[in-house]
Protein backbone atom coordinates (compact mmCIF):
# COMPACT_ATOMS: atom_id res chain seq x y z
CA MET A 1 112.82 84.47 189.67
CA LYS A 2 116.40 85.74 189.81
CA ALA A 3 119.08 84.55 192.22
CA LEU A 4 122.45 86.10 193.00
CA VAL A 5 125.17 83.84 194.39
CA ILE A 6 127.92 85.70 196.21
CA GLY A 7 131.15 83.75 195.91
CA TYR A 8 131.82 81.13 193.25
CA GLY A 9 133.97 78.55 194.99
CA SER A 10 132.81 74.94 195.16
CA ILE A 11 129.78 75.72 197.35
CA GLY A 12 128.80 78.78 195.32
CA GLN A 13 129.05 76.75 192.11
CA ARG A 14 126.85 74.07 193.61
CA HIS A 15 124.21 76.61 194.67
CA ALA A 16 124.29 78.21 191.22
CA ARG A 17 123.93 74.86 189.47
CA LEU A 18 121.05 73.70 191.70
CA LEU A 19 119.20 77.03 191.46
CA ALA A 20 119.52 76.99 187.66
CA ALA A 21 118.25 73.39 187.60
CA MET A 22 115.22 74.61 189.58
CA GLY A 23 114.50 77.13 186.82
CA LEU A 24 115.88 80.30 188.40
CA GLU A 25 117.95 82.80 186.47
CA VAL A 26 121.33 82.86 188.21
CA ALA A 27 124.15 85.40 188.33
CA VAL A 28 127.23 85.35 190.54
CA VAL A 29 129.49 87.84 192.27
CA SER A 30 133.10 86.80 191.79
CA ARG A 31 136.53 88.34 191.47
CA ARG A 32 137.17 86.18 188.39
CA ASP A 33 135.37 85.70 185.09
CA HIS A 34 133.69 82.34 184.53
CA ASP A 35 132.56 80.99 181.19
CA GLY A 36 128.83 80.51 180.76
CA VAL A 37 127.91 82.44 183.91
CA CYS A 38 126.71 86.00 184.33
CA VAL A 39 129.37 87.51 186.61
CA TYR A 40 129.36 90.78 188.52
CA PRO A 41 132.67 92.06 189.89
CA SER A 42 131.08 93.62 192.97
CA LEU A 43 128.13 92.89 195.21
CA ASP A 44 126.80 96.42 194.77
CA ASP A 45 126.78 95.98 190.97
CA GLY A 46 125.10 92.57 191.21
CA LEU A 47 122.33 93.82 193.48
CA ARG A 48 121.72 97.00 191.49
CA GLU A 49 121.87 95.52 187.98
CA TRP A 50 120.61 91.94 188.44
CA ARG A 51 117.86 92.84 190.95
CA PRO A 52 117.53 89.37 192.49
CA SER A 53 114.76 88.15 194.76
CA TYR A 54 116.99 85.45 196.27
CA VAL A 55 120.57 85.87 197.48
CA VAL A 56 123.01 83.16 198.53
CA ILE A 57 126.06 84.26 200.51
CA ALA A 58 128.71 81.65 199.76
CA SER A 59 131.75 83.88 200.05
CA ARG A 60 134.62 83.24 202.44
CA THR A 61 133.41 83.05 206.04
CA VAL A 62 135.29 86.19 207.06
CA GLU A 63 133.33 88.07 204.36
CA HIS A 64 129.84 86.90 205.41
CA LYS A 65 129.22 89.76 207.86
CA ARG A 66 130.31 92.41 205.36
CA ASP A 67 128.24 90.82 202.59
CA LEU A 68 125.17 90.69 204.84
CA GLU A 69 125.66 94.36 205.67
CA VAL A 70 125.95 95.31 201.99
CA VAL A 71 122.82 93.32 201.08
CA ALA A 72 120.90 94.83 204.01
CA SER A 73 122.05 98.40 203.33
CA ALA A 74 120.99 98.05 199.69
CA GLY A 75 117.41 97.62 200.95
CA PHE A 76 117.17 94.04 199.71
CA ASP A 77 113.78 92.63 200.74
CA GLY A 78 113.95 89.11 199.35
CA ILE A 79 115.21 85.83 200.77
CA VAL A 80 118.80 85.40 201.98
CA LEU A 81 120.65 82.14 202.54
CA VAL A 82 124.03 82.38 204.27
CA GLU A 83 126.33 79.39 203.99
CA LYS A 84 127.79 77.95 207.16
CA PRO A 85 129.06 79.25 209.39
CA ALA A 86 127.03 82.44 209.24
CA LEU A 87 129.73 84.53 210.91
CA ASP A 88 133.30 84.03 212.06
CA HIS A 89 132.57 85.73 215.40
CA GLU A 90 129.55 86.57 217.53
CA SER A 91 127.83 89.61 216.08
CA PRO A 92 124.26 90.88 215.76
CA MET A 93 122.46 90.58 212.46
CA PRO A 94 122.47 93.91 210.59
CA LYS A 95 119.16 95.75 210.47
CA ASN A 96 117.42 94.55 207.34
CA GLN A 97 114.21 94.21 205.37
CA PHE A 98 114.77 90.58 204.34
CA ALA A 99 111.61 88.57 203.73
CA ARG A 100 113.44 85.65 205.36
CA ALA A 101 117.01 84.76 206.23
CA TYR A 102 118.42 81.25 206.59
CA VAL A 103 121.74 79.65 207.46
CA GLY A 104 122.66 76.57 205.44
CA TYR A 105 124.17 74.39 208.10
CA ASN A 106 124.09 70.64 208.07
CA MET A 107 124.31 69.40 211.64
CA ARG A 108 123.96 65.67 210.99
CA PHE A 109 127.45 65.01 212.37
CA ASN A 110 126.95 67.05 215.53
CA PRO A 111 127.69 64.61 218.42
CA ILE A 112 124.78 65.84 220.53
CA LEU A 113 122.29 65.47 217.70
CA ARG A 114 123.66 62.04 216.80
CA ARG A 115 123.13 60.88 220.39
CA LEU A 116 119.64 62.38 220.40
CA LYS A 117 118.83 60.49 217.21
CA LEU A 118 120.03 57.24 218.78
CA PHE A 119 117.97 57.97 221.88
CA LEU A 120 114.82 58.64 219.86
């Protein structure tokens, strides 16, 4: 199974490392070259050439919407994980053929959920 990680900051690097440890082939989309990693300079190139079945959007938050739109418009039909927050403003999800889409958001420090946990 092939995964494409969009953005290679600290979170993107962590996703790439964990996916590789799980046995997936991993490539990244980044503006910079990185040793030991298959890098594509553009999302279009990565989707077309790498042909992943799993995509992680770990780019800057302001780029999430655009990246989702590019992935959707490319006809991607695999699984998408968008790092938190999914978008920087309220906006509908682009029309897509994704098998599934997730948002990686850890809410363990949310005050309401912490109180609920104490209550339970």
